[in-house]
């Protein structure tokens, strides 16, 4: 945007064991220098069937939002993976590759799709 390299990152932490509520920290950098940040608590909204589009592909999604719906995050529906550990126990984990964030007021000028070049 206007010659600046914009980088956005989110940190997500579960607030309960069933992942019905999450705490999110959103960081925005301009030319790799921190420019703004925000934190919010969101809850899983099961009232809608959501989808996100990334690179002209449509994915089923789950939505977390604030109670006033000012902040919404749609995660691509997680995929489950099972791994057998060396001690014979099985470990299951879930991962989601994409997310779209809508923050209706504060970061409105950044509410457009930015390509994901690095995932961690």
Protein backbone atom coordinates (compact mmCIF):
# COMPACT_ATOMS: atom_id res chain seq x y z
CA UNK A 1 0.00 0.00 0.00
CA UNK A 2 1.50 3.29 -1.12
CA UNK A 3 4.98 1.78 -1.37
CA UNK A 4 4.93 0.25 2.12
CA UNK A 5 5.28 -3.43 2.86
CA UNK A 6 2.38 -4.35 5.12
CA UNK A 7 2.68 -7.43 7.31
CA UNK A 8 -0.10 -8.72 9.54
CA UNK A 9 0.13 -11.52 12.05
CA UNK A 10 -2.21 -13.11 14.54
CA UNK A 11 -1.58 -15.09 17.72
CA UNK A 12 -4.42 -17.33 18.82
CA UNK A 13 -4.78 -18.89 22.28
CA UNK A 14 -7.61 -21.16 23.43
CA UNK A 15 -9.52 -19.94 26.47
CA UNK A 16 -11.25 -23.28 27.09
CA UNK A 17 -10.49 -26.93 26.35
CA UNK A 18 -13.18 -27.21 23.64
CA UNK A 19 -11.93 -24.14 21.71
CA UNK A 20 -15.32 -22.42 22.00
CA UNK A 21 -13.57 -19.21 23.08
CA UNK A 22 -10.22 -17.87 21.92
CA UNK A 23 -8.01 -14.88 22.72
CA UNK A 24 -6.50 -13.19 19.66
CA UNK A 25 -3.70 -10.67 19.32
CA UNK A 26 -3.43 -8.93 15.97
CA UNK A 27 -0.17 -7.17 15.01
CA UNK A 28 0.31 -4.88 12.04
CA UNK A 29 3.74 -3.90 10.74
CA UNK A 30 4.70 -1.33 8.10
CA UNK A 31 8.09 -1.99 6.54
CA UNK A 32 8.74 -4.51 9.35
CA UNK A 33 8.22 -1.87 12.07
CA UNK A 34 5.31 -2.41 14.51
CA UNK A 35 2.57 0.08 13.61
CA UNK A 36 -0.51 -1.09 15.49
CA UNK A 37 -1.93 -3.98 17.49
CA UNK A 38 -5.19 -5.07 19.06
CA UNK A 39 -6.39 -7.88 21.33
CA UNK A 40 -9.84 -9.40 21.64
CA UNK A 41 -11.75 -12.38 22.99
CA UNK A 42 -13.89 -14.22 20.42
CA UNK A 43 -16.36 -17.08 20.59
CA UNK A 44 -17.26 -19.80 18.12
CA UNK A 45 -20.37 -18.91 16.11
CA UNK A 46 -22.17 -22.08 15.04
CA UNK A 47 -25.26 -20.31 13.68
CA UNK A 48 -23.92 -19.88 10.13
CA UNK A 49 -22.28 -21.99 7.44
CA UNK A 50 -19.19 -20.00 6.41
CA UNK A 51 -16.77 -20.14 3.47
CA UNK A 52 -13.58 -18.27 2.60
CA UNK A 53 -11.96 -17.74 -0.79
CA UNK A 54 -8.20 -17.83 -1.23
CA UNK A 55 -6.53 -17.77 -4.66
CA UNK A 56 -9.88 -18.35 -6.41
CA UNK A 57 -10.59 -21.49 -4.34
CA UNK A 58 -13.49 -21.76 -1.93
CA UNK A 59 -12.99 -23.47 1.44
CA UNK A 60 -15.46 -24.39 4.16
CA UNK A 61 -14.77 -22.31 7.27
CA UNK A 62 -15.61 -21.87 10.94
CA UNK A 63 -16.22 -18.40 12.37
CA UNK A 64 -15.17 -16.82 15.62
CA UNK A 65 -16.50 -13.36 16.44
CA UNK A 66 -16.85 -10.82 19.21
CA UNK A 67 -20.24 -10.44 20.88
CA UNK A 68 -20.87 -7.19 18.98
CA UNK A 69 -19.64 -8.73 15.66
CA UNK A 70 -17.09 -5.94 15.17
CA UNK A 71 -14.32 -8.53 14.78
CA UNK A 72 -14.77 -11.76 12.82
CA UNK A 73 -12.18 -14.41 11.98
CA UNK A 74 -13.02 -17.21 9.58
CA UNK A 75 -10.60 -20.13 9.76
CA UNK A 76 -10.51 -22.74 7.05
CA UNK A 77 -12.24 -25.79 8.52
CA UNK A 78 -9.48 -27.61 10.45
CA UNK A 79 -8.13 -30.94 9.25
CA UNK A 80 -7.32 -33.63 11.79
CA UNK A 81 -4.11 -35.65 11.81
CA UNK A 82 -3.16 -38.61 13.98
CA UNK A 83 0.43 -39.57 14.80
CA UNK A 84 1.65 -42.62 16.69
CA UNK A 85 4.36 -41.75 19.19
CA UNK A 86 7.37 -43.96 19.93
CA UNK A 87 5.82 -45.02 23.26
CA UNK A 88 2.76 -46.39 21.41
CA UNK A 89 0.39 -43.57 22.32
CA UNK A 90 -1.55 -41.81 19.59
CA UNK A 91 -1.55 -38.03 19.35
CA UNK A 92 -4.22 -36.17 17.37
CA UNK A 93 -3.93 -32.55 16.30
CA UNK A 94 -5.90 -30.17 14.13
CA UNK A 95 -4.57 -27.54 11.77
CA UNK A 96 -6.06 -24.77 9.64
CA UNK A 97 -4.11 -23.28 6.74
CA UNK A 98 -5.96 -20.03 6.04
CA UNK A 99 -7.85 -17.35 7.92
CA UNK A 100 -9.66 -14.17 6.92
CA UNK A 101 -10.04 -11.34 9.41
CA UNK A 102 -12.67 -8.62 9.33
CA UNK A 103 -12.28 -5.76 11.76
CA UNK A 104 -14.96 -3.32 10.72
CA UNK A 105 -13.59 -0.03 12.04
CA UNK A 106 -10.00 0.29 13.20
CA UNK A 107 -8.17 -1.64 10.46
CA UNK A 108 -10.75 -1.04 7.71
CA UNK A 109 -8.18 0.23 5.19
CA UNK A 110 -6.40 -3.16 5.45
CA UNK A 111 -9.57 -5.26 4.99
CA UNK A 112 -8.52 -6.84 1.74
CA UNK A 113 -6.89 -10.14 0.93
CA UNK A 114 -3.11 -10.17 1.34
CA UNK A 115 -1.27 -13.18 -0.07
CA UNK A 116 0.24 -15.57 2.45
CA UNK A 117 3.93 -16.03 1.67
CA UNK A 118 5.10 -17.57 4.93
CA UNK A 119 3.24 -19.74 7.39
CA UNK A 120 4.40 -20.82 10.82
